[in-house]
Amino acid sequence: MLHLTQTRYSEWWRRSTVYQVYPKSFKDTTGNGTGDIKGLTEKLDYLQELGIDIVWLQPVYVSPQYDNGYDVADYEAINPDFGTMEDFDELVQELHRRGMKLMTDIVVNHTSVEHEWFKQASSGKDNPYRDYYIWKDPGPDGGLPNNWQSKFGGPAWQFDEASGQYFLTLYDKTQADLNWENEKVRRAVNDMMLFWAKKGVDGFRMDVINVISKDQRFPDDDGSVPPGDGRKFYTDGPRVHEFIKAMYDEVFGPYEMVTVGEMSSTTLEHCIRYSSPEEREFSMTFNFHHLKVDYPNGQKWELMPYDFEAMKRLFTQWQTGMQQGGGWNALFFNNHDQPRAISRFTDDKAYRVESAKLLATTLHGMQGTPYVYQGEEIGMPNPIWKGIEEFRDIESLNMYRILQEQGKNPGTAQSILQERSRDNSRTPMQWDDSPNAGFTTGTPWIKVDERYPDINVQKELADPGSILHHYRRLIALRKEHDVFVEGSFIRLDEAHPEVFAYARQAEGAALVVVSNFSGKEITFRFGDKQWAELGERSGQQLLIGNTAEAPVLAQELPLSPYASYMWLIRK
């Protein structure tokens, strides 16, 4: 069995937990209905008490906000909606005073068309900034340069009337892709990251970073590899590792930064390279394969029950593969681009508390750095949507139109949005039972979920058995026991239809996690081989569970609906 030494895992962030803040919805201190930087600073004591080591702040740069800040118009200025640069400096100072670190979002596959670079580039073909972006003449038929599709729906090209050329937009039509073949672009990006590093930022989350290198032939997609939208020509592209290593050498390494790459439609092999310390690229990577197990034939905007076995198989594949290759996972069920996992994979009504704790226990026992998305730690479910007018997300509104163009009626289209929309995770953080959940004294930019009087931080803090306190314990356990970092991963459930069970084995200790992902009472039995693999079990201790029971680890375990337990075995 593979044993990974403590020396290999000396990086501090491997024992850490990251808290993701979507600032627009976190805490508003001005009454304008939009969260701000001062709101985050105000809540740092709360995050410190939760045990958080790293705060990931999503984009607060100047932006027209067509894609909620991921359309950057000025990389080195703060959007006045979020505050001032002085507010940002205060945030960094207050985090560091508490022994916490700040990770900021960097979006460098594209900029807003309102960025000065693009304004210059679109002013004429001879402008020095023209080559900062990807321009192409019309195709032979006078139409699009190729058949690539935008991630947000529709063609990936926008026509520029003035020059008669198209520019590439893999995401929103207002987000123009940068030309990373241009050395001046790479220089400008590194200079921008150095600007923030010198201000005290401790790390970066790199948005869709594995799509920055495109196949320079820009060929049509023949559809031989689903979904046939062109992604095979730019996902983990030909020069992507070269570009990232250059960032490491100039910025990440010298400033000893913690970095995470968001990887779109990536592979295990590439993520090992992206996150292996020997490769000198990123600290860790996000992959999304386990969050596509309810996509029929890979289609996000179609509905089906999630494939539990596929989820378990993917977690196992990435746990064992990354470990054997020396990579490192970013562990998550929730983020700003995903519906709430509690509504998606468990029961957010009758068993909401048990379900939230089950998801946390299952995830935090794995190898990698756990990420907690705001509201996850209090069990916030998908909100109750009453009409299309309540949605704000540009991707969702585009798809509402496209789904109807494809023949679906408005009611069906809205029911799909209710399950899939990114707005599910973007409603305001629920702090207490006062109006607007204590998020704002004004009118919130997006609706507050009506269940906030029963689901809020204040109520969770007062209950020792709450979801919030469960998260606090899990985060503390990670710092107490080496097995969380070092232990190799062994799946134990033999494709059980309701249970996910695994062990983490290290020298002198093993961690065992058993979770019942169903609303049924069942008895789970370890297979003889799996039970034998656990070895001596006399020194067992129940570290954490989500029921009033405190079961002893045994070959046969009775499990109530959504029961989840974690045992430590000392050997």
Protein backbone atom coordinates (compact mmCIF):
# COMPACT_ATOMS: atom_id res chain seq x y z
CA MET A 1 0.00 0.00 0.00
CA LEU A 2 1.27 3.45 -0.94
CA HIS A 3 2.43 5.51 2.01
CA LEU A 4 3.19 9.16 1.46
CA THR A 5 5.65 10.73 3.84
CA GLN A 6 5.00 13.75 6.01
CA THR A 7 7.85 15.56 4.25
CA ARG A 8 5.99 15.38 0.98
CA TYR A 9 2.95 16.99 2.60
CA SER A 10 4.71 19.75 4.49
CA GLU A 11 2.81 22.46 2.59
CA TRP A 12 0.65 24.25 5.16
CA TRP A 13 -2.41 24.43 2.94
CA ARG A 14 -2.80 20.65 2.89
CA ARG A 15 -4.12 20.84 6.46
CA SER A 16 -6.18 23.94 5.80
CA THR A 17 -9.82 24.61 5.01
CA VAL A 18 -10.88 27.29 2.52
CA TYR A 19 -14.05 29.37 2.82
CA GLN A 20 -15.44 30.72 -0.44
CA VAL A 21 -17.05 34.16 -0.31
CA TYR A 22 -19.37 35.35 -3.06
CA PRO A 23 -19.13 39.00 -2.00
CA LYS A 24 -22.24 40.23 -3.76
CA SER A 25 -24.33 38.01 -1.48
CA PHE A 26 -22.28 37.80 1.72
CA LYS A 27 -22.91 40.95 3.81
CA ASP A 28 -24.01 44.45 2.84
CA THR A 29 -22.87 47.32 5.11
CA THR A 30 -24.18 50.23 3.02
CA GLY A 31 -27.84 49.33 2.49
CA ASN A 32 -27.54 49.33 -1.30
CA GLY A 33 -28.56 45.66 -1.50
CA THR A 34 -25.17 44.37 -2.64
CA GLY A 35 -22.60 42.76 -0.38
CA ASP A 36 -19.26 44.51 0.02
CA ILE A 37 -15.69 44.13 1.24
CA LYS A 38 -16.43 45.74 4.60
CA GLY A 39 -19.17 43.16 5.09
CA LEU A 40 -16.58 40.40 4.78
CA THR A 41 -14.21 42.18 7.17
CA GLU A 42 -17.07 42.50 9.65
CA LYS A 43 -17.57 38.72 9.62
CA LEU A 44 -13.93 37.61 9.95
CA ASP A 45 -14.36 36.67 13.60
CA TYR A 46 -17.16 34.31 12.55
CA LEU A 47 -14.90 32.65 9.98
CA GLN A 48 -12.03 32.44 12.45
CA GLU A 49 -14.26 30.73 15.00
CA LEU A 50 -15.37 28.29 12.30
CA GLY A 51 -11.69 27.35 11.92
CA ILE A 52 -11.11 28.73 8.44
CA ASP A 53 -7.50 29.23 7.33
CA ILE A 54 -7.95 30.70 3.84
CA VAL A 55 -10.69 33.01 2.59
CA TRP A 56 -11.31 32.85 -1.15
CA LEU A 57 -12.77 36.19 -2.27
CA GLN A 58 -14.45 36.14 -5.66
CA PRO A 59 -13.91 39.04 -8.09
CA VAL A 60 -14.31 42.56 -6.69
CA TYR A 61 -12.63 44.30 -9.63
CA VAL A 62 -14.22 46.99 -11.77
CA SER A 63 -16.72 45.18 -13.99
CA PRO A 64 -19.98 45.79 -15.85
CA GLN A 65 -21.25 42.69 -14.01
CA TYR A 66 -22.72 40.84 -16.98
CA ASP A 67 -21.18 37.71 -15.48
CA ASN A 68 -21.14 38.72 -11.82
CA GLY A 69 -17.62 40.14 -11.85
CA TYR A 70 -15.96 37.49 -14.00
CA ASP A 71 -16.09 40.06 -16.81
CA VAL A 72 -13.22 42.24 -15.63
CA ALA A 73 -12.88 45.78 -16.97
CA ASP A 74 -9.93 46.82 -14.76
CA TYR A 75 -7.78 44.23 -12.97
CA GLU A 76 -6.15 46.72 -10.59
CA ALA A 77 -9.14 48.71 -9.34
CA ILE A 78 -11.95 47.86 -6.92
CA ASN A 79 -15.55 48.03 -8.14
CA PRO A 80 -17.17 50.89 -6.17
CA ASP A 81 -20.16 48.59 -5.54
CA PHE A 82 -17.85 46.56 -3.29
CA GLY A 83 -15.94 49.44 -1.69
CA THR A 84 -12.51 50.97 -2.10
CA MET A 85 -8.90 49.87 -2.31
CA GLU A 86 -8.55 51.08 1.29
CA ASP A 87 -11.34 48.64 2.25
CA PHE A 88 -9.43 45.87 0.49
CA ASP A 89 -6.17 46.75 2.26
CA GLU A 90 -8.01 46.70 5.59
CA LEU A 91 -9.40 43.25 4.78
CA VAL A 92 -5.91 41.89 4.09
CA GLN A 93 -4.59 43.42 7.30
CA GLU A 94 -7.45 42.06 9.42
CA LEU A 95 -7.12 38.57 7.94
CA HIS A 96 -3.40 38.49 8.63
CA ARG A 97 -3.94 39.80 12.15
CA ARG A 98 -6.09 36.71 12.78
CA GLY A 99 -3.57 34.34 11.22
CA MET A 100 -5.74 33.82 8.15
CA LYS A 101 -4.85 34.18 4.48
CA LEU A 102 -6.55 35.70 1.45
CA MET A 103 -6.98 34.00 -1.91
CA THR A 104 -8.43 36.18 -4.67
CA ASP A 105 -9.98 35.23 -7.99
CA ILE A 106 -7.97 35.86 -11.13
CA VAL A 107 -9.82 35.78 -14.46
CA VAL A 108 -7.34 35.75 -17.33
CA ASN A 109 -8.85 33.62 -20.08
CA HIS A 110 -10.91 36.67 -21.03
CA THR A 111 -11.65 40.27 -20.18
CA SER A 112 -14.76 42.36 -20.47
CA VAL A 113 -15.19 44.14 -23.79
CA GLU A 114 -15.21 47.26 -21.61
CA HIS A 115 -11.59 46.68 -20.59
CA GLU A 116 -9.25 49.35 -21.98
CA TRP A 117 -7.25 46.64 -23.76
CA PHE A 118 -10.31 45.59 -25.75
CA LYS A 119 -11.41 49.15 -26.42
CA GLN A 120 -7.99 49.77 -27.94
CA ALA A 121 -8.01 46.46 -29.81
CA SER A 122 -11.38 47.15 -31.40
CA SER A 123 -10.39 50.63 -32.53
CA GLY A 124 -8.52 49.31 -35.55
CA LYS A 125 -6.50 46.40 -36.94
CA ASP A 126 -3.26 48.34 -36.61
CA ASN A 127 -3.72 49.14 -32.92
CA PRO A 128 -0.92 47.71 -30.71
CA TYR A 129 -3.54 45.97 -28.54
CA ARG A 130 -5.26 44.24 -31.46
CA ASP A 131 -3.25 41.06 -30.91
CA TYR A 132 -4.21 40.93 -27.22
CA TYR A 133 -7.37 39.14 -28.39
CA ILE A 134 -8.29 36.45 -30.90
CA TRP A 135 -9.62 37.85 -34.17
CA LYS A 136 -10.57 35.85 -37.25
CA ASP A 137 -11.91 36.62 -40.70
CA PRO A 138 -15.30 35.16 -41.62
CA GLY A 139 -15.37 31.57 -42.80
CA PRO A 140 -15.31 30.59 -46.50
CA ASP A 141 -19.09 30.87 -46.58
CA GLY A 142 -18.93 34.39 -45.18
CA GLY A 143 -20.18 33.22 -41.78
CA LEU A 144 -18.55 32.20 -38.49
CA PRO A 145 -14.83 31.31 -38.43
CA ASN A 146 -15.67 27.85 -37.02
CA ASN A 147 -18.48 25.98 -35.25
CA TRP A 148 -17.26 26.36 -31.67
CA GLN A 149 -19.99 27.05 -29.14
CA SER A 150 -20.04 29.36 -26.13
CA LYS A 151 -20.22 27.75 -22.69
CA PHE A 152 -23.19 30.05 -22.07
CA GLY A 153 -25.06 29.03 -25.21
CA GLY A 154 -24.85 30.08 -28.87
CA PRO A 155 -21.82 30.61 -31.11
CA ALA A 156 -18.43 31.40 -29.55
CA TRP A 157 -17.78 34.28 -31.97
CA GLN A 158 -18.97 37.89 -32.05
CA PHE A 159 -18.88 40.01 -35.20
CA ASP A 160 -17.13 43.37 -35.16
CA GLU A 161 -18.82 45.58 -37.77
CA ALA A 162 -16.00 48.12 -37.90
CA SER A 163 -13.28 45.64 -38.95
CA GLY A 164 -15.37 42.90 -40.55
CA GLN A 165 -13.75 40.32 -38.27
CA TYR A 166 -14.99 38.07 -35.47
CA PHE A 167 -13.53 37.87 -31.97
CA LEU A 168 -13.62 34.75 -29.78
CA THR A 169 -15.91 34.60 -26.71
CA LEU A 170 -15.92 31.14 -25.11
CA TYR A 171 -18.17 32.44 -22.31
CA ASP A 172 -20.49 35.46 -22.39
CA LYS A 173 -20.57 37.53 -25.59
CA THR A 174 -19.13 40.45 -23.58
CA GLN A 175 -16.11 38.37 -22.45
CA ALA A 176 -13.43 38.46 -25.13
CA ASP A 177 -10.81 35.71 -24.97
CA LEU A 178 -7.24 36.88 -24.52
CA ASN A 179 -4.58 35.72 -26.96
CA TRP A 180 -2.10 33.88 -24.77
CA GLU A 181 0.19 33.27 -27.76
CA ASN A 182 1.08 36.96 -27.43
CA GLU A 183 4.01 37.39 -25.03
CA LYS A 184 2.80 40.89 -24.16
CA VAL A 185 -0.44 39.41 -22.80
CA ARG A 186 1.49 37.00 -20.61
CA ARG A 187 3.69 39.85 -19.38
CA ALA A 188 0.66 41.99 -18.55
CA VAL A 189 -1.03 39.15 -16.65
CA ASN A 190 2.09 38.46 -14.58
CA ASP A 191 2.48 42.16 -13.79
CA MET A 192 -1.14 42.28 -12.63
CA MET A 193 -0.67 39.27 -10.34
CA LEU A 194 2.51 40.81 -8.93
CA PHE A 195 0.51 43.96 -8.15
CA TRP A 196 -1.80 41.94 -5.89
CA ALA A 197 0.99 39.79 -4.43
CA LYS A 198 2.81 42.93 -3.33
CA LYS A 199 -0.38 44.14 -1.63
CA GLY A 200 -0.31 41.04 0.57
CA VAL A 201 -2.64 38.66 -1.27
CA ASP A 202 -1.59 35.13 -0.26
CA GLY A 203 -2.92 33.17 -3.20
CA PHE A 204 -5.00 33.00 -6.34
CA ARG A 205 -7.91 30.95 -7.60
CA MET A 206 -7.42 30.85 -11.35
CA ASP A 207 -10.71 30.93 -13.26
CA VAL A 208 -11.08 28.39 -16.13
CA ILE A 209 -7.30 28.49 -16.42
CA ASN A 210 -6.94 25.31 -18.46
CA VAL A 211 -8.63 26.84 -21.51
CA ILE A 212 -6.14 29.66 -22.10
CA SER A 213 -4.15 27.79 -24.78
CA LYS A 214 -6.03 27.24 -28.03
CA ASP A 215 -5.23 25.03 -31.01
CA GLN A 216 -3.96 27.71 -33.38
CA ARG A 217 -5.57 26.04 -36.41
CA PHE A 218 -9.02 26.87 -34.94
CA PRO A 219 -10.61 23.95 -36.78
CA ASP A 220 -14.28 22.99 -36.91
CA ASP A 221 -15.36 20.36 -34.37
CA ASP A 222 -16.47 17.23 -36.23
CA GLY A 223 -18.47 16.00 -33.23
CA SER A 224 -16.46 12.80 -32.86
CA VAL A 225 -15.86 13.62 -29.17
CA PRO A 226 -19.02 14.72 -27.33
CA PRO A 227 -20.35 17.32 -26.86
CA GLY A 228 -18.76 18.51 -30.11
CA ASP A 229 -18.70 22.19 -29.20
CA GLY A 230 -15.01 22.84 -29.86
CA ARG A 231 -13.74 22.28 -26.34
CA LYS A 232 -11.38 19.50 -27.41
CA PHE A 233 -9.32 22.16 -29.24
CA TYR A 234 -8.73 24.37 -26.21
CA THR A 235 -9.23 22.27 -23.04
CA ASP A 236 -5.79 21.54 -21.52
CA GLY A 237 -4.44 23.09 -24.69
CA PRO A 238 -1.03 22.65 -26.33
CA ARG A 239 0.92 25.30 -24.35
CA VAL A 240 -1.09 25.50 -21.13
CA HIS A 241 1.52 23.88 -18.87
CA GLU A 242 4.25 26.10 -20.31
CA PHE A 243 2.18 29.20 -19.56
CA ILE A 244 1.40 28.14 -15.98
CA LYS A 245 5.00 27.22 -15.17
CA ALA A 246 6.02 30.71 -16.22
CA MET A 247 3.47 32.16 -13.76
CA TYR A 248 4.86 29.95 -11.02
CA ASP A 249 8.45 30.95 -11.68
CA GLU A 250 7.71 34.67 -11.57
CA VAL A 251 4.81 34.99 -9.12
CA PHE A 252 3.54 31.91 -7.26
CA GLY A 253 6.92 30.50 -6.25
CA PRO A 254 8.72 33.68 -5.15
CA TYR A 255 5.71 34.81 -3.08
CA GLU A 256 5.04 31.30 -1.69
CA MET A 257 1.42 31.52 -2.76
CA VAL A 258 -1.38 29.00 -2.41
CA THR A 259 -3.03 28.52 -5.79
CA VAL A 260 -5.92 26.53 -7.17
CA GLY A 261 -6.71 26.06 -10.82
CA GLU A 262 -10.33 25.76 -11.91
CA MET A 263 -10.20 23.06 -14.57
CA SER A 264 -12.97 22.88 -17.15
CA SER A 265 -13.66 19.41 -18.65
CA THR A 266 -10.15 18.33 -17.68
CA THR A 267 -8.47 14.94 -17.21
CA LEU A 268 -6.88 13.25 -14.23
CA GLU A 269 -3.54 13.08 -16.01
CA HIS A 270 -3.46 16.82 -16.58
CA CYS A 271 -4.54 17.59 -13.02
CA ILE A 272 -1.68 15.49 -11.67
CA ARG A 273 0.65 17.67 -13.71
CA TYR A 274 -1.07 20.89 -12.69
CA SER A 275 -0.86 20.12 -8.97
CA SER A 276 2.23 17.97 -8.43
CA PRO A 277 4.85 19.93 -6.44
CA GLU A 278 7.55 18.65 -8.77
CA GLU A 279 5.84 20.29 -11.75
CA ARG A 280 5.85 23.76 -10.13
CA GLU A 281 2.43 24.89 -11.35
CA PHE A 282 -0.52 25.03 -8.88
CA SER A 283 -1.02 23.90 -5.28
CA MET A 284 -4.25 22.06 -6.19
CA THR A 285 -6.98 21.78 -8.79
CA PHE A 286 -10.75 21.83 -9.04
CA ASN A 287 -12.36 19.28 -11.30
CA PHE A 288 -16.10 18.99 -11.88
CA HIS A 289 -16.67 15.44 -13.05
CA HIS A 290 -18.44 14.39 -9.84
CA LEU A 291 -20.86 17.29 -10.33
CA LYS A 292 -21.98 16.05 -13.75
CA VAL A 293 -23.45 12.75 -12.54
CA ASP A 294 -26.97 14.10 -13.03
CA TYR A 295 -26.30 15.36 -16.58
CA PRO A 296 -27.95 12.94 -19.07
CA ASN A 297 -25.41 12.38 -21.87
CA GLY A 298 -23.41 15.28 -20.49
CA GLN A 299 -26.24 17.77 -20.99
CA LYS A 300 -26.42 20.25 -18.10
CA TRP A 301 -29.83 21.61 -19.08
CA GLU A 302 -31.64 18.29 -18.99
CA LEU A 303 -32.81 16.63 -15.77
CA MET A 304 -32.32 13.14 -14.36
CA PRO A 305 -31.74 11.54 -10.93
CA TYR A 306 -28.06 11.57 -10.10
CA ASP A 307 -25.99 8.42 -10.65
CA PHE A 308 -24.73 7.57 -7.15
CA GLU A 309 -22.41 4.82 -8.29
CA ALA A 310 -20.85 7.11 -10.89
CA MET A 311 -20.23 9.72 -8.19
CA LYS A 312 -18.51 7.20 -5.92
CA ARG A 313 -16.49 5.83 -8.81
CA LEU A 314 -15.30 9.31 -9.79
CA PHE A 315 -14.33 10.25 -6.26
CA THR A 316 -12.39 7.00 -5.97
CA GLN A 317 -10.68 7.49 -9.32
CA TRP A 318 -9.54 11.01 -8.44
CA GLN A 319 -8.57 10.15 -4.87
CA THR A 320 -6.39 7.22 -5.85
CA GLY A 321 -5.11 8.69 -9.11
CA MET A 322 -4.07 12.06 -7.71
CA GLN A 323 -2.42 10.42 -4.73
CA GLN A 324 -0.43 7.95 -6.79
CA GLY A 325 0.62 10.70 -9.20
CA GLY A 326 1.56 13.18 -6.46
CA GLY A 327 -1.24 15.63 -7.21
CA TRP A 328 -3.60 17.33 -4.78
CA ASN A 329 -7.38 17.74 -4.91
CA ALA A 330 -9.51 20.73 -4.02
CA LEU A 331 -12.49 19.05 -2.32
CA PHE A 332 -15.94 20.53 -2.78
CA PHE A 333 -19.63 19.83 -3.31
CA ASN A 334 -20.71 23.48 -3.52
CA ASN A 335 -19.63 26.68 -5.20
CA HIS A 336 -21.04 29.80 -6.86
CA ASP A 337 -21.57 27.97 -10.17
CA GLN A 338 -23.42 24.95 -8.79
CA PRO A 339 -26.86 24.34 -7.27
CA ARG A 340 -26.79 23.58 -3.56
CA ALA A 341 -25.58 20.00 -3.06
CA ILE A 342 -27.99 19.39 -0.19
CA SER A 343 -30.90 19.86 -2.63
CA ARG A 344 -29.21 18.01 -5.44
CA PHE A 345 -27.94 14.83 -3.80
CA THR A 346 -29.83 14.40 -0.53
CA ASP A 347 -33.04 15.45 1.24
CA ASP A 348 -33.19 19.18 1.95
CA LYS A 349 -36.53 18.95 3.73
CA ALA A 350 -37.28 16.06 6.14
CA TYR A 351 -33.57 15.25 6.65
CA ARG A 352 -31.93 18.60 5.95
CA VAL A 353 -29.71 18.61 9.05
CA GLU A 354 -28.61 14.99 8.67
CA SER A 355 -28.04 15.52 4.93
CA ALA A 356 -25.86 18.59 5.39
CA LYS A 357 -23.71 16.82 7.96
CA LEU A 358 -23.49 13.70 5.79
CA LEU A 359 -22.15 15.65 2.81
CA ALA A 360 -19.61 17.43 5.02
CA THR A 361 -18.38 14.24 6.72
CA THR A 362 -18.10 12.36 3.43
CA LEU A 363 -16.10 15.13 1.78
CA HIS A 364 -13.84 16.21 4.65
CA GLY A 365 -12.57 12.69 5.20
CA MET A 366 -11.02 12.56 1.73
CA GLN A 367 -7.56 13.62 0.69
CA GLY A 368 -7.31 17.19 -0.51
CA THR A 369 -8.06 20.66 0.76
CA PRO A 370 -11.77 21.11 1.64
CA TYR A 371 -13.68 24.15 0.44
CA VAL A 372 -16.74 25.46 2.27
CA TYR A 373 -19.03 27.67 0.22
CA GLN A 374 -20.90 30.39 2.09
CA GLY A 375 -24.15 29.04 3.58
CA GLU A 376 -23.10 25.41 3.18
CA GLU A 377 -22.11 25.35 6.85
CA ILE A 378 -25.68 26.18 7.91
CA GLY A 379 -27.38 23.84 5.43
CA MET A 380 -28.76 26.43 3.01
CA PRO A 381 -30.83 24.62 0.33
CA ASN A 382 -31.79 25.79 -3.15
CA PRO A 383 -34.21 28.70 -2.72
CA ILE A 384 -37.91 28.47 -3.57
CA TRP A 385 -38.30 30.16 -6.98
CA LYS A 386 -41.73 31.56 -7.84
CA GLY A 387 -41.11 32.98 -11.30
CA ILE A 388 -38.54 33.62 -14.00
CA GLU A 389 -38.41 37.28 -12.97
CA GLU A 390 -36.60 36.24 -9.76
CA PHE A 391 -33.56 34.90 -11.64
CA ARG A 392 -30.51 37.08 -12.31
CA ASP A 393 -27.84 34.79 -13.79
CA ILE A 394 -26.99 35.55 -17.42
CA GLU A 395 -26.35 31.88 -18.26
CA SER A 396 -29.74 30.88 -16.82
CA LEU A 397 -31.64 33.62 -18.64
CA ASN A 398 -29.91 32.71 -21.92
CA MET A 399 -30.84 29.07 -21.42
CA TYR A 400 -34.45 29.94 -20.55
CA ARG A 401 -34.73 31.45 -24.03
CA ILE A 402 -32.78 28.67 -25.75
CA LEU A 403 -34.78 25.89 -24.07
CA GLN A 404 -37.99 27.42 -25.40
CA GLU A 405 -36.44 27.79 -28.85
CA GLN A 406 -35.74 24.05 -28.63
CA GLY A 407 -39.45 23.39 -28.11
CA LYS A 408 -39.86 23.32 -24.33
CA ASN A 409 -42.75 25.26 -22.83
CA PRO A 410 -42.01 28.08 -20.35
CA GLY A 411 -43.03 25.98 -17.34
CA THR A 412 -40.67 23.16 -18.27
CA ALA A 413 -37.86 25.62 -18.99
CA GLN A 414 -38.32 27.24 -15.59
CA SER A 415 -38.42 23.86 -13.81
CA ILE A 416 -35.03 23.08 -15.34
CA LEU A 417 -33.67 26.45 -14.18
CA GLN A 418 -34.97 25.76 -10.67
CA GLU A 419 -32.70 22.70 -10.51
CA ARG A 420 -29.72 23.88 -12.54
CA SER A 421 -29.37 27.65 -12.23
CA ARG A 422 -26.24 29.15 -10.70
CA ASP A 423 -28.56 31.54 -8.87
CA ASN A 424 -29.39 28.64 -6.51
CA SER A 425 -26.10 29.29 -4.72
CA ARG A 426 -26.10 33.06 -5.06
CA THR A 427 -28.98 34.15 -2.84
CA PRO A 428 -27.92 36.20 0.21
CA MET A 429 -26.18 34.65 3.18
CA GLN A 430 -28.65 34.07 6.02
CA TRP A 431 -27.21 35.64 9.17
CA ASP A 432 -30.26 35.89 11.44
CA ASP A 433 -34.05 36.11 11.47
CA SER A 434 -34.26 39.88 10.99
CA PRO A 435 -35.56 41.30 7.67
CA ASN A 436 -33.58 40.07 4.65
CA ALA A 437 -31.82 37.57 6.93
CA GLY A 438 -29.56 40.32 8.25
CA PHE A 439 -27.86 40.58 4.84
CA THR A 440 -28.94 44.15 4.04
CA THR A 441 -31.13 46.96 5.30
CA GLY A 442 -32.02 47.78 1.70
CA THR A 443 -33.48 45.81 -1.19
CA PRO A 444 -31.28 42.77 -1.94
CA TRP A 445 -29.99 42.42 -5.52
CA ILE A 446 -31.47 38.92 -5.63
CA LYS A 447 -34.20 37.39 -3.48
CA VAL A 448 -33.55 36.05 0.01
CA ASP A 449 -34.82 32.49 0.48
CA GLU A 450 -38.04 32.67 2.48
CA ARG A 451 -36.93 29.94 4.90
CA TYR A 452 -34.26 32.15 6.48
CA PRO A 453 -36.08 32.54 9.85
CA ASP A 454 -35.41 28.83 10.44
CA ILE A 455 -32.06 28.57 8.64
CA ASN A 456 -29.54 31.17 9.75
CA VAL A 457 -26.16 31.59 11.45
CA GLN A 458 -27.53 33.00 14.69
CA LYS A 459 -29.76 29.98 15.23
CA GLU A 460 -26.96 27.55 14.30
CA LEU A 461 -24.50 29.13 16.72
CA ALA A 462 -26.95 28.71 19.59
CA ASP A 463 -27.43 24.97 18.94
CA PRO A 464 -24.48 22.73 19.98
CA GLY A 465 -25.80 19.98 17.70
CA SER A 466 -26.12 22.21 14.64
CA ILE A 467 -24.68 21.80 11.17
CA LEU A 468 -22.37 24.73 11.85
CA HIS A 469 -20.83 23.09 14.90
CA HIS A 470 -20.45 19.87 12.92
CA TYR A 471 -18.34 21.78 10.36
CA ARG A 472 -16.26 23.34 13.14
CA ARG A 473 -15.42 19.89 14.47
CA LEU A 474 -14.54 18.50 11.03
CA ILE A 475 -12.25 21.44 10.32
CA ALA A 476 -10.52 20.98 13.68
CA LEU A 477 -10.09 17.23 13.16
CA ARG A 478 -8.14 17.85 9.97
CA LYS A 479 -5.51 19.71 11.95
CA GLU A 480 -5.36 17.09 14.71
CA HIS A 481 -4.76 13.88 12.74
CA ASP A 482 -2.10 13.21 10.11
CA VAL A 483 -4.21 10.50 8.47
CA PHE A 484 -6.43 13.18 6.90
CA VAL A 485 -3.42 14.40 4.93
CA GLU A 486 -1.33 11.28 4.51
CA GLY A 487 -3.74 8.37 4.37
CA SER A 488 -4.18 6.44 1.14
CA PHE A 489 -7.76 5.95 -0.11
CA ILE A 490 -9.57 2.59 -0.21
CA ARG A 491 -13.19 2.27 -1.22
CA LEU A 492 -15.08 -0.16 1.02
CA ASP A 493 -18.70 -0.31 -0.13
CA GLU A 494 -18.57 -2.65 -3.19
CA ALA A 495 -21.06 -0.64 -5.30
CA HIS A 496 -23.66 -0.55 -2.55
CA PRO A 497 -26.82 1.19 -3.85
CA GLU A 498 -27.23 3.42 -0.77
CA VAL A 499 -23.87 3.60 1.03
CA PHE A 500 -20.57 5.30 0.32
CA ALA A 501 -17.86 3.83 2.55
CA TYR A 502 -14.13 4.34 2.36
CA ALA A 503 -10.98 4.19 4.46
CA ARG A 504 -7.86 6.34 4.63
CA GLN A 505 -4.86 4.20 5.63
CA ALA A 506 -1.61 5.59 7.01
CA GLU A 507 1.16 4.28 9.24
CA GLY A 508 -0.25 3.85 12.71
CA ALA A 509 -3.80 4.93 11.91
CA ALA A 510 -6.80 4.51 9.65
CA LEU A 511 -9.86 6.65 9.09
CA VAL A 512 -13.16 4.98 8.19
CA VAL A 513 -16.14 6.93 6.79
CA VAL A 514 -19.56 5.35 6.22
CA SER A 515 -22.49 7.39 4.83
CA ASN A 516 -26.03 6.30 4.00
CA PHE A 517 -27.14 8.47 1.07
CA SER A 518 -30.75 7.30 1.29
CA GLY A 519 -33.88 8.09 3.26
CA LYS A 520 -34.19 4.45 4.30
CA GLU A 521 -33.09 2.57 7.39
CA ILE A 522 -30.62 -0.04 6.24
CA THR A 523 -27.97 -2.40 7.53
CA PHE A 524 -24.63 -2.08 5.81
CA ARG A 525 -22.24 -5.03 5.86
CA PHE A 526 -18.56 -4.68 4.97
CA GLY A 527 -17.40 -7.41 2.62
CA ASP A 528 -15.05 -9.94 4.19
CA LYS A 529 -12.13 -8.68 2.10
CA GLN A 530 -12.79 -5.03 2.91
CA TRP A 531 -13.23 -5.81 6.60
CA ALA A 532 -9.96 -7.73 6.65
CA GLU A 533 -8.16 -4.85 4.90
CA LEU A 534 -8.94 -2.56 7.79
CA GLY A 535 -6.72 -4.71 9.97
CA GLU A 536 -6.71 -4.44 13.76
CA ARG A 537 -9.69 -2.43 14.95
CA SER A 538 -9.42 -2.60 18.73
CA GLY A 539 -8.20 0.99 19.06
CA GLN A 540 -11.20 2.55 17.39
CA GLN A 541 -12.77 5.90 18.25
CA LEU A 542 -15.88 7.52 16.81
CA LEU A 543 -14.56 10.94 15.78
CA ILE A 544 -17.83 12.40 14.56
CA GLY A 545 -21.33 11.38 13.55
CA ASN A 546 -24.58 13.03 12.58
CA THR A 547 -27.05 11.16 14.79
CA ALA A 548 -27.64 10.79 18.52
CA GLU A 549 -26.23 7.26 18.32
CA ALA A 550 -22.54 6.51 18.84
CA PRO A 551 -22.12 3.18 17.02
CA VAL A 552 -19.10 0.95 17.36
CA LEU A 553 -17.43 0.16 14.03
CA ALA A 554 -18.54 -3.38 13.20
CA GLN A 555 -18.81 -5.52 10.10
CA GLU A 556 -22.58 -5.02 10.18
CA LEU A 557 -23.78 -1.47 10.82
CA PRO A 558 -27.41 -0.35 11.22
CA LEU A 559 -27.79 3.04 9.56
CA SER A 560 -30.70 5.41 9.91
CA PRO A 561 -31.68 7.69 6.98
CA TYR A 562 -28.74 9.85 5.90
CA ALA A 563 -26.60 8.62 8.81
CA SER A 564 -22.89 9.32 8.45
CA TYR A 565 -20.00 8.40 10.75
CA MET A 566 -16.23 8.76 10.88
CA TRP A 567 -14.03 6.50 13.01
CA LEU A 568 -10.33 6.68 13.78
CA ILE A 569 -8.47 3.41 14.26
CA ARG A 570 -5.11 3.64 16.00
CA LYS A 571 -2.78 0.77 15.25
